[in-house]
Amino acid sequence: MKTTEFDQNRAPLGMDIKDMGLLKDIQRRRAKHRQKIPFKRDVFNQISSLVKRYGLKENFLDVMDKNEDYPYDENLKRVRVRLKTPMERSLFSLATRDEYAVTMSIIGKINNPYLKFAHSPEEILLCNPLYGLNPSIVPEKLKRYHFETLFLHEHAKIENNESNGHSTGKNK
């Protein structure tokens, strides 16, 4: 019986055992190339979908400029745990010229990795203050918890360190 195709128990005609390793390596690489690569949303699509969903206009950029620091006051001292609300998003964003301009302005003003985890305009406003408190929050927390919860938690950690006599080097 003549065989020209690869059989796991036998080498094809004209191949010896050492060529089998090379053949398996080639097959493994080809199979790896055929694997599906999960699609990851980029920052533009995330922010553009928020701009569309909440109808954000140029005046939101003014609000961003005025609220560079999150208004932390004594009423917010109690930490409430807020989970993110699921959001329907399209894979690709088709934005009008105005939506595109607002989206690009937001991305330009907030230059940190937390922006891609924002699910609301409020979280967009909290990106810079939260990043200023702790630039190394793990993505799992950013995906699960609302930025206000994370901000209050990080702020409480800093206050606890300062009250225990440990200086963080940050000014209030």
N, C-alpha and C. Protein backbone atom coordinates (compact mmCIF):
# COMPACT_ATOMS: atom_id res chain seq x y z
N MET A 1 0.85 -1.18 0.00
CA MET A 1 0.00 0.00 0.00
C MET A 1 0.88 1.23 0.00
N LYS A 2 0.70 2.04 -0.97
CA LYS A 2 1.49 3.25 -1.12
C LYS A 2 0.80 4.39 -0.39
N THR A 3 1.57 5.13 0.45
CA THR A 3 1.01 6.25 1.21
C THR A 3 1.87 7.48 0.98
N THR A 4 1.22 8.56 0.64
CA THR A 4 1.97 9.81 0.48
C THR A 4 1.57 10.82 1.52
N GLU A 5 0.48 10.55 2.25
CA GLU A 5 0.06 11.47 3.30
C GLU A 5 0.68 11.07 4.62
N PHE A 6 0.75 12.02 5.50
CA PHE A 6 1.34 11.80 6.82
C PHE A 6 0.43 10.90 7.66
N ASP A 7 0.99 9.87 8.20
CA ASP A 7 0.29 8.98 9.13
C ASP A 7 1.06 9.04 10.44
N GLN A 8 0.36 9.13 11.54
CA GLN A 8 1.03 9.33 12.82
C GLN A 8 1.93 8.16 13.18
N ASN A 9 1.62 6.98 12.72
CA ASN A 9 2.42 5.81 13.06
C ASN A 9 3.57 5.57 12.09
N ARG A 10 3.44 6.07 10.90
CA ARG A 10 4.46 5.81 9.88
C ARG A 10 4.87 7.10 9.19
N ALA A 11 6.06 7.15 8.71
CA ALA A 11 6.54 8.29 7.93
C ALA A 11 6.08 8.10 6.49
N PRO A 12 5.77 9.19 5.81
CA PRO A 12 5.43 9.08 4.39
C PRO A 12 6.61 8.50 3.61
N LEU A 13 6.31 7.94 2.46
CA LEU A 13 7.38 7.39 1.63
C LEU A 13 8.41 8.46 1.32
N GLY A 14 9.61 8.10 1.41
CA GLY A 14 10.69 9.03 1.11
C GLY A 14 11.13 9.84 2.31
N MET A 15 10.55 9.62 3.48
CA MET A 15 10.93 10.35 4.68
C MET A 15 11.47 9.36 5.71
N ASP A 16 12.49 9.79 6.39
CA ASP A 16 12.96 8.95 7.49
C ASP A 16 12.50 9.57 8.81
N ILE A 17 12.85 8.95 9.92
CA ILE A 17 12.36 9.35 11.24
C ILE A 17 12.77 10.77 11.60
N LYS A 18 13.97 11.22 11.26
CA LYS A 18 14.39 12.57 11.63
C LYS A 18 13.58 13.64 10.91
N ASP A 19 13.09 13.33 9.70
CA ASP A 19 12.26 14.28 8.97
C ASP A 19 10.86 14.38 9.58
N MET A 20 10.45 13.36 10.33
CA MET A 20 9.13 13.36 10.96
C MET A 20 9.00 14.52 11.96
N GLY A 21 10.07 14.79 12.72
CA GLY A 21 10.03 15.90 13.68
C GLY A 21 9.83 17.22 12.98
N LEU A 22 10.51 17.40 11.86
CA LEU A 22 10.37 18.63 11.07
C LEU A 22 8.95 18.75 10.53
N LEU A 23 8.40 17.64 10.04
CA LEU A 23 7.05 17.66 9.50
C LEU A 23 6.03 18.02 10.59
N LYS A 24 6.17 17.42 11.77
CA LYS A 24 5.26 17.73 12.88
C LYS A 24 5.38 19.19 13.30
N ASP A 25 6.60 19.72 13.28
CA ASP A 25 6.82 21.12 13.64
C ASP A 25 6.12 22.04 12.63
N ILE A 26 6.22 21.73 11.36
CA ILE A 26 5.56 22.54 10.32
C ILE A 26 4.04 22.48 10.50
N GLN A 27 3.51 21.28 10.77
CA GLN A 27 2.07 21.14 10.96
C GLN A 27 1.59 21.92 12.19
N ARG A 28 2.38 21.88 13.26
CA ARG A 28 2.03 22.60 14.48
C ARG A 28 1.99 24.11 14.23
N ARG A 29 2.98 24.62 13.51
CA ARG A 29 3.00 26.06 13.20
C ARG A 29 1.81 26.47 12.34
N ARG A 30 1.49 25.66 11.35
CA ARG A 30 0.34 25.98 10.49
C ARG A 30 -0.97 25.97 11.29
N ALA A 31 -1.11 25.01 12.19
CA ALA A 31 -2.31 24.94 13.01
C ALA A 31 -2.40 26.16 13.93
N LYS A 32 -1.25 26.61 14.42
CA LYS A 32 -1.24 27.80 15.29
C LYS A 32 -1.68 29.03 14.50
N HIS A 33 -1.26 29.15 13.25
CA HIS A 33 -1.67 30.29 12.42
C HIS A 33 -3.17 30.28 12.15
N ARG A 34 -3.75 29.09 12.09
CA ARG A 34 -5.19 28.98 11.80
C ARG A 34 -6.04 29.28 13.02
N GLN A 35 -5.45 29.29 14.22
CA GLN A 35 -6.23 29.54 15.42
C GLN A 35 -6.84 30.93 15.37
N LYS A 36 -8.03 31.04 15.96
CA LYS A 36 -8.70 32.33 16.00
C LYS A 36 -8.03 33.22 17.05
N ILE A 37 -7.82 34.44 16.68
CA ILE A 37 -7.26 35.43 17.60
C ILE A 37 -8.42 36.29 18.09
N PRO A 38 -8.63 36.35 19.41
CA PRO A 38 -9.76 37.14 19.90
C PRO A 38 -9.61 38.62 19.56
N PHE A 39 -10.73 39.22 19.21
CA PHE A 39 -10.74 40.64 18.86
C PHE A 39 -10.72 41.48 20.13
N LYS A 40 -9.81 42.42 20.20
CA LYS A 40 -9.75 43.32 21.35
C LYS A 40 -10.19 44.70 20.91
N ARG A 41 -11.06 45.28 21.70
CA ARG A 41 -11.54 46.63 21.39
C ARG A 41 -10.43 47.63 21.70
N ASP A 42 -10.29 48.59 20.85
CA ASP A 42 -9.29 49.62 21.12
C ASP A 42 -9.94 50.82 21.81
N VAL A 43 -9.11 51.74 22.25
CA VAL A 43 -9.59 52.89 23.01
C VAL A 43 -10.56 53.73 22.18
N PHE A 44 -10.26 53.91 20.91
CA PHE A 44 -11.13 54.73 20.07
C PHE A 44 -12.55 54.18 20.04
N ASN A 45 -12.70 52.88 19.79
CA ASN A 45 -14.05 52.30 19.72
C ASN A 45 -14.76 52.38 21.06
N GLN A 46 -14.03 52.20 22.15
CA GLN A 46 -14.62 52.28 23.48
C GLN A 46 -15.17 53.69 23.75
N ILE A 47 -14.33 54.70 23.53
CA ILE A 47 -14.74 56.08 23.83
C ILE A 47 -15.78 56.57 22.83
N SER A 48 -15.63 56.18 21.58
CA SER A 48 -16.61 56.58 20.57
C SER A 48 -17.99 56.02 20.91
N SER A 49 -18.05 54.79 21.40
CA SER A 49 -19.36 54.23 21.76
C SER A 49 -19.95 54.97 22.97
N LEU A 50 -19.10 55.45 23.89
CA LEU A 50 -19.60 56.26 25.01
C LEU A 50 -20.10 57.61 24.54
N VAL A 51 -19.38 58.22 23.60
CA VAL A 51 -19.80 59.52 23.05
C VAL A 51 -21.17 59.38 22.40
N LYS A 52 -21.37 58.29 21.64
CA LYS A 52 -22.66 58.07 20.99
C LYS A 52 -23.76 57.77 22.01
N ARG A 53 -23.47 56.86 22.93
CA ARG A 53 -24.49 56.41 23.88
C ARG A 53 -24.99 57.54 24.77
N TYR A 54 -24.07 58.37 25.25
CA TYR A 54 -24.45 59.45 26.18
C TYR A 54 -24.62 60.79 25.48
N GLY A 55 -24.45 60.83 24.18
CA GLY A 55 -24.63 62.08 23.44
C GLY A 55 -23.65 63.17 23.87
N LEU A 56 -22.41 62.79 24.12
CA LEU A 56 -21.41 63.77 24.58
C LEU A 56 -21.08 64.75 23.46
N LYS A 57 -21.01 66.01 23.83
CA LYS A 57 -20.71 67.08 22.87
C LYS A 57 -19.46 67.82 23.33
N GLU A 58 -19.18 68.91 22.64
CA GLU A 58 -18.00 69.73 22.97
C GLU A 58 -18.03 70.24 24.41
N ASN A 59 -19.22 70.46 24.97
CA ASN A 59 -19.30 70.98 26.34
C ASN A 59 -18.76 69.98 27.36
N PHE A 60 -18.73 68.68 27.02
CA PHE A 60 -18.13 67.69 27.92
C PHE A 60 -16.63 67.94 28.07
N LEU A 61 -16.02 68.42 27.01
CA LEU A 61 -14.58 68.73 27.08
C LEU A 61 -14.32 69.88 28.05
N ASP A 62 -15.24 70.85 28.11
CA ASP A 62 -15.12 71.94 29.08
C ASP A 62 -15.23 71.40 30.51
N VAL A 63 -16.15 70.46 30.71
CA VAL A 63 -16.31 69.84 32.02
C VAL A 63 -15.03 69.11 32.40
N MET A 64 -14.41 68.45 31.43
CA MET A 64 -13.15 67.75 31.68
C MET A 64 -12.07 68.72 32.12
N ASP A 65 -12.00 69.87 31.48
CA ASP A 65 -10.98 70.86 31.82
C ASP A 65 -11.19 71.41 33.23
N LYS A 66 -12.45 71.61 33.63
CA LYS A 66 -12.73 72.16 34.94
C LYS A 66 -12.53 71.14 36.06
N ASN A 67 -12.74 69.86 35.76
CA ASN A 67 -12.65 68.82 36.78
C ASN A 67 -11.37 67.99 36.63
N GLU A 68 -10.23 68.64 36.58
CA GLU A 68 -8.98 67.89 36.46
C GLU A 68 -8.73 67.05 37.70
N ASP A 69 -9.10 67.55 38.86
CA ASP A 69 -8.99 66.78 40.09
C ASP A 69 -10.38 66.40 40.54
N TYR A 70 -10.53 65.16 40.95
CA TYR A 70 -11.84 64.70 41.39
C TYR A 70 -12.23 65.41 42.67
N PRO A 71 -13.44 65.94 42.75
CA PRO A 71 -13.85 66.68 43.95
C PRO A 71 -14.11 65.76 45.14
N TYR A 72 -13.05 65.40 45.83
CA TYR A 72 -13.15 64.52 46.99
C TYR A 72 -13.51 65.36 48.20
N ASP A 73 -14.59 64.99 48.88
CA ASP A 73 -14.94 65.69 50.11
C ASP A 73 -15.31 64.68 51.18
N GLU A 74 -15.61 65.17 52.33
CA GLU A 74 -15.88 64.30 53.48
C GLU A 74 -17.12 63.43 53.27
N ASN A 75 -18.08 63.85 52.46
CA ASN A 75 -19.29 63.06 52.22
C ASN A 75 -18.97 61.76 51.47
N LEU A 76 -17.85 61.74 50.77
CA LEU A 76 -17.49 60.55 50.01
C LEU A 76 -16.61 59.60 50.79
N LYS A 77 -16.37 59.87 52.06
CA LYS A 77 -15.45 59.04 52.83
C LYS A 77 -15.90 57.60 52.94
N ARG A 78 -17.19 57.37 53.02
CA ARG A 78 -17.60 55.97 53.12
C ARG A 78 -17.45 55.34 51.73
N VAL A 79 -16.76 54.25 51.71
CA VAL A 79 -16.50 53.60 50.43
C VAL A 79 -17.69 52.72 50.08
N ARG A 80 -18.27 53.02 48.98
CA ARG A 80 -19.36 52.17 48.51
C ARG A 80 -18.83 51.39 47.31
N VAL A 81 -19.19 50.16 47.24
CA VAL A 81 -18.71 49.31 46.17
C VAL A 81 -19.70 49.38 45.02
N ARG A 82 -19.24 49.89 43.92
CA ARG A 82 -20.06 49.98 42.72
C ARG A 82 -19.42 49.10 41.66
N LEU A 83 -20.19 48.16 41.15
CA LEU A 83 -19.71 47.32 40.07
C LEU A 83 -20.06 47.99 38.74
N LYS A 84 -19.34 47.63 37.72
CA LYS A 84 -19.62 48.19 36.39
C LYS A 84 -20.93 47.61 35.86
N THR A 85 -21.65 48.44 35.15
CA THR A 85 -22.86 47.96 34.50
C THR A 85 -22.50 47.48 33.10
N PRO A 86 -23.05 46.34 32.69
CA PRO A 86 -22.74 45.85 31.34
C PRO A 86 -23.22 46.85 30.29
N MET A 87 -22.47 46.93 29.22
CA MET A 87 -22.78 47.92 28.20
C MET A 87 -22.75 47.25 26.83
N GLU A 88 -23.79 47.45 26.05
CA GLU A 88 -23.82 46.94 24.68
C GLU A 88 -22.91 47.83 23.82
N ARG A 89 -21.98 47.18 23.17
CA ARG A 89 -21.06 47.94 22.32
C ARG A 89 -20.90 47.24 20.98
N SER A 90 -20.74 48.01 19.95
CA SER A 90 -20.47 47.42 18.65
C SER A 90 -18.97 47.21 18.51
N LEU A 91 -18.60 46.30 17.63
CA LEU A 91 -17.17 46.02 17.45
C LEU A 91 -16.45 47.18 16.79
N PHE A 92 -17.14 47.85 15.87
CA PHE A 92 -16.53 48.96 15.16
C PHE A 92 -17.42 50.18 15.29
N SER A 93 -16.79 51.31 15.39
CA SER A 93 -17.53 52.54 15.61
C SER A 93 -17.62 53.34 14.32
N LEU A 94 -18.83 53.69 13.98
CA LEU A 94 -19.06 54.60 12.87
C LEU A 94 -19.47 55.93 13.47
N ALA A 95 -18.57 56.87 13.46
CA ALA A 95 -18.81 58.14 14.12
C ALA A 95 -19.00 59.26 13.10
N THR A 96 -19.85 60.21 13.46
CA THR A 96 -19.98 61.41 12.64
C THR A 96 -18.74 62.26 12.85
N ARG A 97 -18.62 63.30 12.09
CA ARG A 97 -17.46 64.18 12.21
C ARG A 97 -17.37 64.79 13.61
N ASP A 98 -18.52 65.23 14.15
CA ASP A 98 -18.53 65.82 15.50
C ASP A 98 -18.19 64.79 16.57
N GLU A 99 -18.76 63.59 16.46
CA GLU A 99 -18.46 62.53 17.42
C GLU A 99 -16.99 62.15 17.36
N TYR A 100 -16.46 62.10 16.16
CA TYR A 100 -15.04 61.79 15.99
C TYR A 100 -14.17 62.85 16.66
N ALA A 101 -14.52 64.10 16.48
CA ALA A 101 -13.74 65.20 17.07
C ALA A 101 -13.77 65.13 18.60
N VAL A 102 -14.95 64.87 19.18
CA VAL A 102 -15.07 64.76 20.64
C VAL A 102 -14.28 63.56 21.13
N THR A 103 -14.41 62.43 20.44
CA THR A 103 -13.69 61.21 20.82
C THR A 103 -12.18 61.44 20.82
N MET A 104 -11.67 62.03 19.77
CA MET A 104 -10.23 62.26 19.67
C MET A 104 -9.75 63.27 20.71
N SER A 105 -10.58 64.26 21.02
CA SER A 105 -10.22 65.23 22.06
C SER A 105 -10.14 64.56 23.43
N ILE A 106 -11.09 63.69 23.72
CA ILE A 106 -11.06 62.96 25.00
C ILE A 106 -9.81 62.10 25.08
N ILE A 107 -9.53 61.37 24.03
CA ILE A 107 -8.34 60.51 24.02
C ILE A 107 -7.07 61.35 24.17
N GLY A 108 -7.04 62.52 23.54
CA GLY A 108 -5.88 63.40 23.65
C GLY A 108 -5.69 63.98 25.05
N LYS A 109 -6.79 64.27 25.73
CA LYS A 109 -6.71 64.87 27.07
C LYS A 109 -6.38 63.83 28.14
N ILE A 110 -6.83 62.62 27.95
CA ILE A 110 -6.60 61.58 28.96
C ILE A 110 -5.63 60.57 28.35
N ASN A 111 -4.40 60.74 28.73
CA ASN A 111 -3.37 59.91 28.14
C ASN A 111 -2.89 58.89 29.18
N ASN A 112 -3.75 57.94 29.52
CA ASN A 112 -3.34 56.86 30.42
C ASN A 112 -4.10 55.59 30.07
N PRO A 113 -3.60 54.45 30.50
CA PRO A 113 -4.19 53.17 30.09
C PRO A 113 -5.55 52.86 30.71
N TYR A 114 -6.00 53.63 31.69
CA TYR A 114 -7.29 53.37 32.32
C TYR A 114 -8.46 53.75 31.43
N LEU A 115 -8.23 54.61 30.46
CA LEU A 115 -9.31 55.12 29.62
C LEU A 115 -10.05 54.00 28.89
N LYS A 116 -9.35 52.97 28.47
CA LYS A 116 -10.03 51.90 27.73
C LYS A 116 -10.98 51.08 28.59
N PHE A 117 -10.93 51.27 29.92
CA PHE A 117 -11.81 50.55 30.82
C PHE A 117 -13.02 51.40 31.26
N ALA A 118 -13.11 52.64 30.78
CA ALA A 118 -14.20 53.53 31.17
C ALA A 118 -15.51 53.07 30.55
N HIS A 119 -16.59 53.09 31.36
CA HIS A 119 -17.91 52.67 30.89
C HIS A 119 -18.94 53.79 30.97
N SER A 120 -18.53 54.99 31.37
CA SER A 120 -19.48 56.09 31.48
C SER A 120 -18.71 57.41 31.45
N PRO A 121 -19.40 58.52 31.21
CA PRO A 121 -18.73 59.82 31.25
C PRO A 121 -18.09 60.09 32.62
N GLU A 122 -18.76 59.64 33.68
CA GLU A 122 -18.21 59.82 35.03
C GLU A 122 -16.86 59.12 35.16
N GLU A 123 -16.76 57.94 34.60
CA GLU A 123 -15.48 57.22 34.66
C GLU A 123 -14.42 57.88 33.80
N ILE A 124 -14.82 58.49 32.71
CA ILE A 124 -13.86 59.24 31.90
C ILE A 124 -13.27 60.36 32.75
N LEU A 125 -14.13 61.06 33.49
CA LEU A 125 -13.66 62.15 34.35
C LEU A 125 -12.75 61.64 35.47
N LEU A 126 -12.92 60.40 35.90
CA LEU A 126 -12.13 59.85 36.99
C LEU A 126 -10.82 59.20 36.54
N CYS A 127 -10.61 59.05 35.25
CA CYS A 127 -9.40 58.38 34.75
C CYS A 127 -8.12 59.02 35.26
N ASN A 128 -7.95 60.31 35.04
CA ASN A 128 -6.70 60.97 35.46
C ASN A 128 -6.52 61.00 36.97
N PRO A 129 -7.53 61.37 37.76
CA PRO A 129 -7.32 61.35 39.21
C PRO A 129 -7.00 59.95 39.75
N LEU A 130 -7.66 58.93 39.22
CA LEU A 130 -7.40 57.56 39.66
C LEU A 130 -5.99 57.13 39.27
N TYR A 131 -5.60 57.44 38.06
CA TYR A 131 -4.25 57.09 37.59
C TYR A 131 -3.19 57.83 38.42
N GLY A 132 -3.50 59.05 38.83
CA GLY A 132 -2.57 59.82 39.67
C GLY A 132 -2.38 59.19 41.04
N LEU A 133 -3.44 58.57 41.57
CA LEU A 133 -3.33 57.92 42.88
C LEU A 133 -2.58 56.59 42.79
N ASN A 134 -2.89 55.80 41.76
CA ASN A 134 -2.24 54.50 41.61
C ASN A 134 -2.19 54.13 40.13
N PRO A 135 -1.02 54.27 39.52
CA PRO A 135 -0.92 53.94 38.09
C PRO A 135 -0.77 52.45 37.79
N SER A 136 -0.88 51.61 38.82
CA SER A 136 -0.65 50.18 38.57
C SER A 136 -1.81 49.30 39.06
N ILE A 137 -3.03 49.76 38.91
CA ILE A 137 -4.19 48.94 39.24
C ILE A 137 -4.33 47.86 38.17
N VAL A 138 -4.56 46.64 38.61
CA VAL A 138 -4.63 45.52 37.67
C VAL A 138 -5.89 45.63 36.80
N PRO A 139 -5.80 45.19 35.54
CA PRO A 139 -6.94 45.29 34.62
C PRO A 139 -8.21 44.60 35.12
N GLU A 140 -8.08 43.52 35.87
CA GLU A 140 -9.27 42.83 36.36
C GLU A 140 -10.11 43.75 37.25
N LYS A 141 -9.46 44.54 38.10
CA LYS A 141 -10.19 45.48 38.96
C LYS A 141 -10.80 46.60 38.12
N LEU A 142 -10.06 47.10 37.13
CA LEU A 142 -10.56 48.17 36.29
C LEU A 142 -11.78 47.72 35.48
N LYS A 143 -11.82 46.45 35.11
CA LYS A 143 -12.96 45.92 34.35
C LYS A 143 -14.18 45.71 35.24
N ARG A 144 -13.95 45.36 36.50
CA ARG A 144 -15.05 44.95 37.37
C ARG A 144 -15.65 46.09 38.18
N TYR A 145 -14.82 46.96 38.76
CA TYR A 145 -15.30 47.98 39.68
C TYR A 145 -15.38 49.35 39.03
N HIS A 146 -16.38 50.10 39.44
CA HIS A 146 -16.55 51.47 38.97
C HIS A 146 -15.34 52.29 39.45
N PHE A 147 -14.92 53.24 38.66
CA PHE A 147 -13.73 54.04 38.99
C PHE A 147 -13.90 54.83 40.28
N GLU A 148 -15.14 55.21 40.61
CA GLU A 148 -15.34 55.94 41.86
C GLU A 148 -14.98 55.05 43.05
N THR A 149 -15.39 53.80 43.02
CA THR A 149 -15.05 52.85 44.09
C THR A 149 -13.54 52.70 44.19
N LEU A 150 -12.87 52.54 43.06
CA LEU A 150 -11.41 52.40 43.07
C LEU A 150 -10.73 53.67 43.57
N PHE A 151 -11.25 54.82 43.16
CA PHE A 151 -10.67 56.10 43.59
C PHE A 151 -10.78 56.24 45.11
N LEU A 152 -11.97 55.98 45.64
CA LEU A 152 -12.17 56.11 47.09
C LEU A 152 -11.30 55.10 47.85
N HIS A 153 -11.15 53.91 47.32
CA HIS A 153 -10.31 52.90 47.95
C HIS A 153 -8.85 53.35 47.97
N GLU A 154 -8.37 53.84 46.84
CA GLU A 154 -6.97 54.28 46.75
C GLU A 154 -6.74 55.50 47.64
N HIS A 155 -7.71 56.40 47.68
CA HIS A 155 -7.58 57.59 48.52
C HIS A 155 -7.54 57.19 50.00
N ALA A 156 -8.37 56.21 50.39
CA ALA A 156 -8.38 55.73 51.77
C ALA A 156 -7.05 55.07 52.13
N LYS A 157 -6.46 54.34 51.20
CA LYS A 157 -5.16 53.71 51.45
C LYS A 157 -4.09 54.78 51.72
N ILE A 158 -4.11 55.86 50.96
CA ILE A 158 -3.13 56.93 51.15
C ILE A 158 -3.36 57.60 52.50
N GLU A 159 -4.62 57.87 52.84
CA GLU A 159 -4.92 58.49 54.15
C GLU A 159 -4.49 57.59 55.29
N ASN A 160 -4.71 56.29 55.18
CA ASN A 160 -4.30 55.36 56.23
C ASN A 160 -2.78 55.34 56.38
N ASN A 161 -2.07 55.37 55.28
CA ASN A 161 -0.60 55.39 55.34
C ASN A 161 -0.11 56.66 56.02
N GLU A 162 -0.73 57.79 55.68
CA GLU A 162 -0.31 59.06 56.28
C GLU A 162 -0.67 59.13 57.75
N SER A 163 -1.81 58.58 58.14
CA SER A 163 -2.19 58.62 59.56
C SER A 163 -1.35 57.65 60.39
N ASN A 164 -0.79 56.63 59.76
CA ASN A 164 0.09 55.70 60.46
C ASN A 164 1.53 56.18 60.48
N GLY A 165 1.78 57.35 59.96
CA GLY A 165 3.12 57.93 59.98
C GLY A 165 3.97 57.62 58.76
N HIS A 166 3.40 56.95 57.78
CA HIS A 166 4.14 56.67 56.55
C HIS A 166 3.84 57.76 55.55
N SER A 167 4.84 58.44 55.10
CA SER A 167 4.65 59.51 54.12
C SER A 167 4.69 58.89 52.72
N THR A 168 3.73 59.26 51.88
CA THR A 168 3.70 58.74 50.52
C THR A 168 4.41 59.67 49.54
N GLY A 169 4.70 60.85 49.96
CA GLY A 169 5.35 61.81 49.06
C GLY A 169 4.37 62.54 48.18
N LYS A 170 3.06 62.25 48.31
CA LYS A 170 2.04 62.94 47.51
C LYS A 170 1.44 64.06 48.33
N ASN A 171 1.14 65.14 47.67
CA ASN A 171 0.46 66.26 48.34
C ASN A 171 -1.02 66.09 48.19
N LYS A 172 -1.75 66.51 49.19
CA LYS A 172 -3.21 66.44 49.10
C LYS A 172 -3.76 67.60 48.34
